[in-house]
């Protein structure tokens, strides 16, 4: 079992993912890192989520930032969205993550703030462990 799964929509989001994993490396919590696009690899994403036994997802995405919402639509586990400053200084991604439809909650941290996403995941895990 892995505690946290960090999924980025593109390899170009690696620096943001590294900010999250740098924080997680200083804990006893386990994590896995994947590059799976909600648009380019939807079947792979569905399969990964269905097979995952993690407790928290961190989803890193820019532009339309669909990844966190797609993950949240497929699991009851907490999803933390990290908007990426790919265009419009990241405001497009931030709004996409923050404005989820009813019943599909996604927590959001600041633009490019993978570190805070990891800190939030740790707080969630501390509550359940």
Protein backbone atom coordinates (compact mmCIF):
# COMPACT_ATOMS: atom_id res chain seq x y z
CA UNK A 1 0.00 0.00 0.00
CA UNK A 2 1.21 3.48 -0.84
CA UNK A 3 0.04 6.45 1.21
CA UNK A 4 0.16 9.24 -1.39
CA UNK A 5 0.01 9.13 -5.17
CA UNK A 6 1.35 12.16 -7.03
CA UNK A 7 0.00 12.27 -10.58
CA UNK A 8 1.10 14.92 -13.04
CA UNK A 9 -0.59 15.45 -16.37
CA UNK A 10 2.66 16.02 -18.22
CA UNK A 11 6.37 15.48 -17.74
CA UNK A 12 6.70 19.27 -17.93
CA UNK A 13 5.12 19.36 -14.45
CA UNK A 14 8.02 17.40 -12.92
CA UNK A 15 9.48 20.39 -11.02
CA UNK A 16 6.16 20.89 -9.21
CA UNK A 17 5.97 17.16 -8.43
CA UNK A 18 9.50 17.30 -7.05
CA UNK A 19 8.40 20.00 -4.60
CA UNK A 20 5.79 17.57 -3.27
CA UNK A 21 8.09 14.57 -3.13
CA UNK A 22 10.84 16.56 -1.42
CA UNK A 23 8.42 17.17 1.47
CA UNK A 24 7.13 13.59 1.49
CA UNK A 25 10.68 12.19 1.57
CA UNK A 26 11.09 13.69 5.05
CA UNK A 27 8.22 11.61 6.45
CA UNK A 28 7.49 7.95 7.03
CA UNK A 29 4.72 8.07 4.45
CA UNK A 30 5.18 6.21 1.18
CA UNK A 31 4.42 7.71 -2.20
CA UNK A 32 4.29 6.93 -5.89
CA UNK A 33 4.73 9.35 -8.78
CA UNK A 34 3.01 8.92 -12.14
CA UNK A 35 2.69 10.87 -15.38
CA UNK A 36 -0.83 10.22 -16.68
CA UNK A 37 -2.82 12.74 -18.67
CA UNK A 38 -6.58 12.87 -18.22
CA UNK A 39 -6.86 13.81 -21.91
CA UNK A 40 -4.13 11.75 -23.60
CA UNK A 41 -4.31 8.64 -21.41
CA UNK A 42 -7.85 8.38 -19.99
CA UNK A 43 -7.95 4.57 -20.00
CA UNK A 44 -4.58 4.35 -18.26
CA UNK A 45 -5.78 6.86 -15.65
CA UNK A 46 -8.99 4.89 -15.05
CA UNK A 47 -7.03 1.67 -14.61
CA UNK A 48 -4.47 3.22 -12.30
CA UNK A 49 -7.11 4.77 -10.02
CA UNK A 50 -9.15 1.56 -9.94
CA UNK A 51 -6.09 -0.44 -8.85
CA UNK A 52 -4.60 2.10 -6.44
CA UNK A 53 -4.86 1.54 -2.71
CA UNK A 54 -3.48 4.96 -1.77
CA UNK A 55 -5.08 7.20 0.83
CA UNK A 56 -4.56 10.61 -0.81
CA UNK A 57 -4.02 11.82 -4.36
CA UNK A 58 -2.04 14.90 -5.34
CA UNK A 59 -2.92 15.90 -8.91
CA UNK A 60 -0.72 18.43 -10.70
CA UNK A 61 -2.17 20.06 -13.80
CA UNK A 62 -2.07 23.22 -15.85
CA UNK A 63 -4.12 24.77 -18.65
CA UNK A 64 -7.59 23.18 -18.42
CA UNK A 65 -6.41 21.42 -15.22
CA UNK A 66 -8.92 18.60 -15.67
CA UNK A 67 -6.79 15.96 -13.96
CA UNK A 68 -7.76 16.64 -10.31
CA UNK A 69 -11.47 16.69 -11.11
CA UNK A 70 -11.30 13.55 -13.21
CA UNK A 71 -9.52 11.72 -10.40
CA UNK A 72 -12.07 13.01 -7.86
CA UNK A 73 -14.91 11.76 -10.07
CA UNK A 74 -13.47 8.24 -9.90
CA UNK A 75 -12.63 7.88 -6.20
CA UNK A 76 -13.94 8.76 -2.75
CA UNK A 77 -10.40 9.43 -1.51
CA UNK A 78 -9.15 13.00 -0.96
CA UNK A 79 -7.73 14.73 -4.03
CA UNK A 80 -5.47 17.76 -3.72
CA UNK A 81 -5.11 19.79 -6.89
CA UNK A 82 -1.98 21.77 -7.69
CA UNK A 83 -2.55 24.36 -10.43
CA UNK A 84 0.43 24.96 -12.72
CA UNK A 85 1.41 28.33 -14.13
CA UNK A 86 1.49 27.12 -17.75
CA UNK A 87 -0.63 29.99 -19.14
CA UNK A 88 -2.37 33.05 -17.69
CA UNK A 89 0.00 32.88 -14.69
CA UNK A 90 -1.87 29.75 -13.59
CA UNK A 91 -5.18 31.50 -12.95
CA UNK A 92 -6.94 29.33 -15.53
CA UNK A 93 -5.74 26.17 -13.78
CA UNK A 94 -6.53 27.54 -10.32
CA UNK A 95 -10.10 28.37 -11.29
CA UNK A 96 -10.58 25.01 -13.01
CA UNK A 97 -9.50 23.17 -9.86
CA UNK A 98 -11.40 25.39 -7.42
CA UNK A 99 -14.71 25.42 -9.33
CA UNK A 100 -15.67 21.75 -9.18
CA UNK A 101 -19.29 20.62 -9.54
CA UNK A 102 -21.28 19.55 -6.47
CA UNK A 103 -20.30 16.14 -5.17
CA UNK A 104 -16.84 16.16 -6.78
CA UNK A 105 -14.67 17.96 -4.22
CA UNK A 106 -11.04 18.81 -4.90
CA UNK A 107 -8.86 20.67 -2.42
CA UNK A 108 -6.65 23.27 -4.05
CA UNK A 109 -3.33 24.74 -3.02
CA UNK A 110 -1.59 27.75 -4.50
CA UNK A 111 -0.25 27.91 -8.02
CA UNK A 112 2.88 25.74 -8.44
CA UNK A 113 2.79 24.90 -4.71
CA UNK A 114 3.52 21.19 -4.72
CA UNK A 115 5.13 21.54 -1.29
CA UNK A 116 1.91 22.71 0.32
CA UNK A 117 0.01 19.90 -1.38
CA UNK A 118 2.35 17.44 0.33
CA UNK A 119 1.92 19.19 3.68
CA UNK A 120 -1.86 18.96 3.31
CA UNK A 121 -1.62 15.28 2.38
CA UNK A 122 0.47 14.68 5.50
CA UNK A 123 -2.15 16.39 7.68
CA UNK A 124 -4.86 14.20 6.17
CA UNK A 125 -2.77 11.07 6.70
CA UNK A 126 -1.97 12.07 10.28
CA UNK A 127 -5.71 12.16 10.99
CA UNK A 128 -6.35 8.66 9.73
CA UNK A 129 -3.21 7.03 11.13
